[in-house]
Protein backbone atom coordinates (compact mmCIF):
# COMPACT_ATOMS: atom_id res chain seq x y z
CA MET A 1 12.60 -11.55 -11.87
CA LEU A 2 9.34 -12.55 -10.00
CA ILE A 3 6.06 -11.18 -12.07
CA ARG A 4 5.22 -10.03 -8.37
CA ASP A 5 8.30 -7.90 -8.31
CA LYS A 6 7.24 -7.09 -11.94
CA ILE A 7 3.49 -5.62 -10.30
CA ARG A 8 4.80 -4.33 -7.63
CA GLU A 9 7.50 -2.01 -10.04
CA TYR A 10 4.10 -1.17 -11.87
CA ILE A 11 1.74 -0.63 -9.46
CA GLU A 12 4.35 1.97 -7.55
CA TYR A 13 4.75 3.56 -11.45
CA GLN A 14 1.60 3.73 -11.07
CA ARG A 15 1.01 5.87 -7.93
CA LYS A 16 3.92 7.99 -9.09
CA LYS A 17 1.64 9.12 -11.82
CA GLY A 18 -0.92 9.00 -9.53
CA GLN A 19 -3.07 6.66 -11.10
CA TYR A 20 -4.46 4.14 -8.34
CA ARG A 21 -6.25 2.67 -10.27
CA LEU A 22 -5.05 -1.05 -11.36
CA PRO A 23 -5.88 -2.84 -14.93
CA PRO A 24 -7.96 -5.69 -14.69
CA GLU A 25 -6.04 -8.89 -13.57
CA ARG A 26 -6.51 -10.16 -17.05
CA GLU A 27 -4.99 -7.73 -18.71
CA LEU A 28 -1.94 -7.56 -16.35
CA ALA A 29 -1.67 -11.17 -17.43
CA GLY A 30 -1.38 -9.85 -20.97
CA THR A 31 0.67 -7.19 -19.35
CA PHE A 32 2.94 -9.66 -17.61
CA ASN A 33 3.15 -12.59 -20.02
CA CYS A 34 1.75 -15.04 -16.85
CA SER A 35 -1.40 -16.36 -15.92
CA ARG A 36 -3.84 -14.60 -15.01
CA LEU A 37 -3.57 -17.04 -10.97
CA ALA A 38 -0.40 -15.60 -10.69
CA VAL A 39 -1.58 -12.38 -10.89
CA SER A 40 -3.87 -13.36 -8.63
CA ASN A 41 -1.89 -14.53 -6.07
CA ALA A 42 0.52 -11.70 -6.37
CA MET A 43 -2.83 -9.80 -5.70
CA SER A 44 -3.84 -11.37 -2.96
CA TYR A 45 -0.30 -10.92 -1.52
CA PHE A 46 -0.28 -7.07 -1.94
CA GLU A 47 -3.58 -7.09 -0.46
CA ALA A 48 -2.86 -8.85 2.72
CA HIS A 49 -0.03 -6.02 3.36
CA GLY A 50 -1.80 -3.15 3.01
CA LEU A 51 -0.57 -2.53 -0.65
CA VAL A 52 -3.36 -2.07 -2.84
CA VAL A 53 -7.17 -3.02 -2.05
CA ARG A 54 -9.71 -4.96 -3.77
CA ARG A 55 -13.54 -3.34 -4.20
CA GLN A 56 -15.71 -7.09 -6.12
CA GLY A 57 -17.46 -5.82 -8.75
CA SER A 58 -15.44 -2.39 -8.91
CA GLY A 59 -12.09 -3.83 -9.57
CA THR A 60 -8.21 -3.38 -6.90
CA TYR A 61 -6.04 -0.10 -6.07
CA ILE A 62 -3.57 0.98 -5.03
CA HIS A 63 -3.79 1.75 -1.37
CA GLU A 64 -2.83 6.01 -1.02
CA ASN A 65 -1.85 4.99 3.09
CA SER A 66 0.71 2.38 1.67
CA PRO A 67 3.35 0.92 4.24
CA GLU A 68 5.80 3.24 1.72
CA ALA A 69 3.38 6.68 2.63
CA ARG A 70 2.92 5.21 6.35
CA SER A 71 6.08 7.06 7.38
CA PHE A 72 5.09 10.60 5.43
CA ASN A 73 2.22 10.32 7.34
CA ILE A 74 3.80 9.18 10.90
CA GLY A 75 6.62 12.61 10.29
CA ILE A 76 3.33 14.69 9.72
CA GLY A 77 1.88 13.15 12.87
CA LEU A 78 5.23 14.11 15.35
CA ARG A 79 4.07 18.47 14.63
CA ARG A 80 0.76 17.99 16.02
CA PRO A 81 -0.03 17.91 19.27
CA TYR A 82 -2.95 15.14 19.44
CA TYR A 83 -4.65 14.39 22.56
CA THR A 84 -7.60 10.99 22.86
CA ASN A 85 -7.34 8.41 25.68
CA GLU A 86 -6.19 5.59 23.51
CA GLN A 87 -3.44 3.63 24.96
CA HIS A 88 -1.82 2.42 21.67
CA PHE A 89 -1.53 5.60 20.42
CA THR A 90 -0.30 7.24 23.17
CA LYS A 91 2.08 4.63 23.90
CA LEU A 92 2.76 4.88 20.45
CA MET A 93 3.80 8.95 20.25
CA ARG A 94 5.25 8.46 23.86
CA CYS A 95 7.68 6.25 21.58
CA LEU A 96 8.82 8.12 19.05
CA GLY A 97 9.27 11.19 20.88
CA GLN A 98 11.97 9.51 23.02
CA SER A 99 12.97 8.14 19.41
CA ALA A 100 13.27 11.54 17.94
CA LYS A 101 15.59 13.84 20.66
């Protein structure tokens, strides 16, 4: 199993516990018995995919609106009327409405 997969499982475990701030990379490296560089690379990957947010001087946080949670948010959006002139939103809602029928 890759370090990235282990860290992803840890992130999901932390999210289920309701904890959104991750320990420092050095601490995670000790927990998973790997280099800090490996943890940093994994965090960069997760940041690029919207799973975590890095804040310099503050730490790394689990993104509350991660791709896994977005489907729930879209489901709520279908139940409520939205009024906007933005093309991309209107097109998205039209496509979702058609696929829900």
